[in-house]
Amino acid sequence: MSRLRSIAKPRIGGSDVTRASVSFPADVYAELERIATSKKVSVAWVVREAAERYVADQWPLLASTSKRSGE
């Protein structure tokens, strides 16, 4: 196995995942890119993380239930 392959992040996939298309104002997307670059992750990762945190803040019981079922 090559070094690149061993450090690659796992892809999100499967039947329990839904793909979405989202449009952002240019300044918001630029900030998402800056955050992603500083964390060395993709913009998609930053957006997923933000969405998961938002859901957890709005509906704490739902977040704890989905974390348990996903583990």
C-alpha atoms as a PDB file:
ATOM      1  CA  MET A   1       0.000   0.000   0.000  1.00  0.00           C
ATOM      2  CA  SER A   2       1.425   3.417  -0.944  1.00  0.00           C
ATOM      3  CA  ARG A   3       1.948   6.199   1.560  1.00  0.00           C
ATOM      4  CA  LEU A   4      -0.739   8.328  -0.098  1.00  0.00           C
ATOM      5  CA  ARG A   5      -3.251   5.527   0.143  1.00  0.00           C
ATOM      6  CA  SER A   6      -2.515   4.941   3.838  1.00  0.00           C
ATOM      7  CA  ILE A   7      -3.112   8.572   4.840  1.00  0.00           C
ATOM      8  CA  ALA A   8      -6.150   9.185   2.638  1.00  0.00           C
ATOM      9  CA  LYS A   9      -9.293  10.189   4.464  1.00  0.00           C
ATOM     10  CA  PRO A  10     -12.169   7.708   4.293  1.00  0.00           C
ATOM     11  CA  ARG A  11     -14.881   8.605   1.830  1.00  0.00           C
ATOM     12  CA  ILE A  12     -18.404   9.136   2.989  1.00  0.00           C
ATOM     13  CA  GLY A  13     -20.760   6.807   1.207  1.00  0.00           C
ATOM     14  CA  GLY A  14     -23.385   4.185   1.578  1.00  0.00           C
ATOM     15  CA  SER A  15     -27.137   4.110   1.606  1.00  0.00           C
ATOM     16  CA  ASP A  16     -27.410   6.169   4.802  1.00  0.00           C
ATOM     17  CA  VAL A  17     -25.880   9.289   3.190  1.00  0.00           C
ATOM     18  CA  THR A  18     -27.678  11.882   1.078  1.00  0.00           C
ATOM     19  CA  ARG A  19     -25.794  14.139  -1.313  1.00  0.00           C
ATOM     20  CA  ALA A  20     -26.829  17.814  -1.388  1.00  0.00           C
ATOM     21  CA  SER A  21     -25.895  20.757  -3.547  1.00  0.00           C
ATOM     22  CA  VAL A  22     -25.583  24.109  -1.786  1.00  0.00           C
ATOM     23  CA  SER A  23     -24.826  27.598  -3.096  1.00  0.00           C
ATOM     24  CA  PHE A  24     -22.966  30.138  -0.944  1.00  0.00           C
ATOM     25  CA  PRO A  25     -22.324  33.848  -1.332  1.00  0.00           C
ATOM     26  CA  ALA A  26     -18.767  34.388  -2.622  1.00  0.00           C
ATOM     27  CA  ASP A  27     -17.480  35.838   0.668  1.00  0.00           C
ATOM     28  CA  VAL A  28     -18.872  32.932   2.709  1.00  0.00           C
ATOM     29  CA  TYR A  29     -17.365  30.360   0.338  1.00  0.00           C
ATOM     30  CA  ALA A  30     -13.999  32.136   0.467  1.00  0.00           C
ATOM     31  CA  GLU A  31     -14.065  31.876   4.256  1.00  0.00           C
ATOM     32  CA  LEU A  32     -15.011  28.180   4.060  1.00  0.00           C
ATOM     33  CA  GLU A  33     -12.031  27.632   1.756  1.00  0.00           C
ATOM     34  CA  ARG A  34      -9.734  29.494   4.174  1.00  0.00           C
ATOM     35  CA  ILE A  35     -10.956  27.384   7.105  1.00  0.00           C
ATOM     36  CA  ALA A  36     -10.584  24.160   5.099  1.00  0.00           C
ATOM     37  CA  THR A  37      -7.057  25.059   4.035  1.00  0.00           C
ATOM     38  CA  SER A  38      -6.013  25.928   7.581  1.00  0.00           C
ATOM     39  CA  LYS A  39      -7.399  22.613   8.881  1.00  0.00           C
ATOM     40  CA  LYS A  40      -6.079  20.657   5.873  1.00  0.00           C
ATOM     41  CA  VAL A  41      -9.517  19.254   5.084  1.00  0.00           C
ATOM     42  CA  SER A  42     -12.030  19.737   2.269  1.00  0.00           C
ATOM     43  CA  VAL A  43     -14.695  22.440   2.131  1.00  0.00           C
ATOM     44  CA  ALA A  44     -17.241  19.593   2.217  1.00  0.00           C
ATOM     45  CA  TRP A  45     -15.786  18.410   5.538  1.00  0.00           C
ATOM     46  CA  VAL A  46     -16.100  21.926   7.001  1.00  0.00           C
ATOM     47  CA  VAL A  47     -19.717  22.204   5.835  1.00  0.00           C
ATOM     48  CA  ARG A  48     -20.625  18.740   7.213  1.00  0.00           C
ATOM     49  CA  GLU A  49     -18.989  19.567  10.548  1.00  0.00           C
ATOM     50  CA  ALA A  50     -20.880  22.875  10.736  1.00  0.00           C
ATOM     51  CA  ALA A  51     -24.185  21.193   9.869  1.00  0.00           C
ATOM     52  CA  GLU A  52     -23.661  18.450  12.472  1.00  0.00           C
ATOM     53  CA  ARG A  53     -22.863  21.045  15.144  1.00  0.00           C
ATOM     54  CA  TYR A  54     -25.923  23.111  14.191  1.00  0.00           C
ATOM     55  CA  VAL A  55     -28.198  20.077  14.442  1.00  0.00           C
ATOM     56  CA  ALA A  56     -26.654  19.106  17.794  1.00  0.00           C
ATOM     57  CA  ASP A  57     -27.212  22.639  19.127  1.00  0.00           C
ATOM     58  CA  GLN A  58     -30.806  22.804  17.896  1.00  0.00           C
ATOM     59  CA  TRP A  59     -31.869  19.254  18.719  1.00  0.00           C
ATOM     60  CA  PRO A  60     -29.468  17.719  21.275  1.00  0.00           C
ATOM     61  CA  LEU A  61     -31.479  14.498  21.676  1.00  0.00           C
ATOM     62  CA  LEU A  62     -31.487  13.857  17.924  1.00  0.00           C
ATOM     63  CA  ALA A  63     -27.714  14.370  17.745  1.00  0.00           C
ATOM     64  CA  SER A  64     -27.004  11.923  20.574  1.00  0.00           C
ATOM     65  CA  THR A  65     -29.334   9.330  19.038  1.00  0.00           C
ATOM     66  CA  SER A  66     -27.766   9.575  15.556  1.00  0.00           C
ATOM     67  CA  LYS A  67     -24.228   9.354  16.987  1.00  0.00           C
ATOM     68  CA  ARG A  68     -25.140   6.167  18.849  1.00  0.00           C
ATOM     69  CA  SER A  69     -26.782   4.557  15.820  1.00  0.00           C
ATOM     70  CA  GLY A  70     -23.820   5.475  13.597  1.00  0.00           C
ATOM     71  CA  GLU A  71     -21.209   3.852  15.837  1.00  0.00           C
END
